């Protein structure tokens, strides 16, 4: 194995499933389109959110992220996803 970590591919059926993206920056924006294309119900949780994340089909919660076991959004999510 080379020095760089290998990527692990994940093929998930996200249609109709809740996905939480933690962070409202460039990385979150890059992930958003693929999640929506997969049919996911996306919620973005971040104190500040890039304008391109505020759009139809995306719930935005402008607040600090609550640690996973305390957050109802994450407990109910099929795929919690980090972005910055």
Foldseek 3Di string as FASTA:
>chain_A
DDPDDDDDDDDDQQAPFEEEEEDADDFSLVVVVVNVVSNHQYEYEELDHDPSQPDPSYHYHNDHDDPQVVDPSNVRGPHYHYDD
